[in-house]
Amino acid sequence: MTLESLRGGAGHYTIFDLIGKSVAQGNTTGVRNELSVGHLPKGMYLLRSETEGKAAVKKLVVE
């Protein structure tokens, strides 16, 4: 999957399952970043990304 940031720059992301357990995390650089989610079981997750002190949370569905 592709994670795009309007701000660019260095950042960090964490993927949580719906129980709140962190299942993946990593660093981001630039505006467009490829995240590997192939190891995650099918289901719904929350993706939290943070860049330059600003955070956003989005729903992520792995099919």
C-alpha atoms as a PDB file:
ATOM      1  CA  MET A   1       0.000   0.000   0.000  1.00  0.00           C
ATOM      2  CA  THR A   2       1.054   3.588  -0.534  1.00  0.00           C
ATOM      3  CA  LEU A   3       1.102   6.132   2.278  1.00  0.00           C
ATOM      4  CA  GLU A   4       1.094   9.715   1.024  1.00  0.00           C
ATOM      5  CA  SER A   5       1.881  12.760   3.131  1.00  0.00           C
ATOM      6  CA  LEU A   6       1.066  16.340   2.208  1.00  0.00           C
ATOM      7  CA  ARG A   7       3.942  17.541   4.365  1.00  0.00           C
ATOM      8  CA  GLY A   8       6.691  15.190   3.200  1.00  0.00           C
ATOM      9  CA  GLY A   9       9.761  14.940   5.406  1.00  0.00           C
ATOM     10  CA  ALA A  10      10.662  12.235   7.900  1.00  0.00           C
ATOM     11  CA  GLY A  11       7.901  10.581   9.872  1.00  0.00           C
ATOM     12  CA  HIS A  12       6.726   7.408  11.561  1.00  0.00           C
ATOM     13  CA  TYR A  13       3.751   5.075  11.174  1.00  0.00           C
ATOM     14  CA  THR A  14       2.153   2.402  13.343  1.00  0.00           C
ATOM     15  CA  ILE A  15      -0.542  -0.078  12.340  1.00  0.00           C
ATOM     16  CA  PHE A  16      -2.851  -1.271  15.123  1.00  0.00           C
ATOM     17  CA  ASP A  17      -5.364  -4.093  15.165  1.00  0.00           C
ATOM     18  CA  LEU A  18      -8.840  -3.283  16.486  1.00  0.00           C
ATOM     19  CA  ILE A  19      -7.857  -4.408  19.986  1.00  0.00           C
ATOM     20  CA  GLY A  20      -5.194  -1.690  20.033  1.00  0.00           C
ATOM     21  CA  LYS A  21      -2.144  -3.954  19.660  1.00  0.00           C
ATOM     22  CA  SER A  22       0.650  -2.609  17.455  1.00  0.00           C
ATOM     23  CA  VAL A  23       1.153  -5.069  14.569  1.00  0.00           C
ATOM     24  CA  ALA A  24       3.574  -3.086  12.352  1.00  0.00           C
ATOM     25  CA  GLN A  25       5.578   0.107  12.463  1.00  0.00           C
ATOM     26  CA  GLY A  26       8.246   1.936  10.557  1.00  0.00           C
ATOM     27  CA  ASN A  27       9.689   5.203   9.350  1.00  0.00           C
ATOM     28  CA  THR A  28       8.638   7.297   6.377  1.00  0.00           C
ATOM     29  CA  THR A  29      10.579   9.729   4.222  1.00  0.00           C
ATOM     30  CA  GLY A  30       9.298  12.090   1.577  1.00  0.00           C
ATOM     31  CA  VAL A  31       5.774  12.465   0.274  1.00  0.00           C
ATOM     32  CA  ARG A  32       5.103   8.919  -1.002  1.00  0.00           C
ATOM     33  CA  ASN A  33       6.005   5.732   0.910  1.00  0.00           C
ATOM     34  CA  GLU A  34       5.296   2.066   0.187  1.00  0.00           C
ATOM     35  CA  LEU A  35       4.186   0.054   3.221  1.00  0.00           C
ATOM     36  CA  SER A  36       4.222  -3.736   3.249  1.00  0.00           C
ATOM     37  CA  VAL A  37       1.008  -5.178   4.689  1.00  0.00           C
ATOM     38  CA  GLY A  38       1.202  -8.618   3.056  1.00  0.00           C
ATOM     39  CA  HIS A  39       2.156 -10.244   6.359  1.00  0.00           C
ATOM     40  CA  LEU A  40      -1.055  -9.032   8.054  1.00  0.00           C
ATOM     41  CA  PRO A  41      -4.114 -11.300   8.211  1.00  0.00           C
ATOM     42  CA  LYS A  42      -7.210 -10.088   6.363  1.00  0.00           C
ATOM     43  CA  GLY A  43      -9.180  -7.627   8.439  1.00  0.00           C
ATOM     44  CA  MET A  44      -9.545  -4.037   9.572  1.00  0.00           C
ATOM     45  CA  TYR A  45      -6.731  -2.034  11.154  1.00  0.00           C
ATOM     46  CA  LEU A  46      -5.947   1.536  12.183  1.00  0.00           C
ATOM     47  CA  LEU A  47      -2.993   3.296  10.580  1.00  0.00           C
ATOM     48  CA  ARG A  48      -1.490   6.135  12.617  1.00  0.00           C
ATOM     49  CA  SER A  49       1.029   8.301  10.809  1.00  0.00           C
ATOM     50  CA  GLU A  50       3.006  11.204  12.218  1.00  0.00           C
ATOM     51  CA  THR A  51       5.056  13.743  10.273  1.00  0.00           C
ATOM     52  CA  GLU A  52       6.558  16.965  11.624  1.00  0.00           C
ATOM     53  CA  GLY A  53       4.594  16.663  14.868  1.00  0.00           C
ATOM     54  CA  LYS A  54       1.219  16.265  13.114  1.00  0.00           C
ATOM     55  CA  ALA A  55      -0.623  12.956  13.455  1.00  0.00           C
ATOM     56  CA  ALA A  56      -3.451  11.348  11.491  1.00  0.00           C
ATOM     57  CA  VAL A  57      -5.355   8.089  11.965  1.00  0.00           C
ATOM     58  CA  LYS A  58      -7.012   6.256   9.058  1.00  0.00           C
ATOM     59  CA  LYS A  59      -8.920   3.007   8.700  1.00  0.00           C
ATOM     60  CA  LEU A  60      -6.997   0.318   6.795  1.00  0.00           C
ATOM     61  CA  VAL A  61      -8.676  -2.778   5.322  1.00  0.00           C
ATOM     62  CA  VAL A  62      -6.448  -5.695   4.325  1.00  0.00           C
ATOM     63  CA  GLU A  63      -8.175  -8.011   1.832  1.00  0.00           C
END
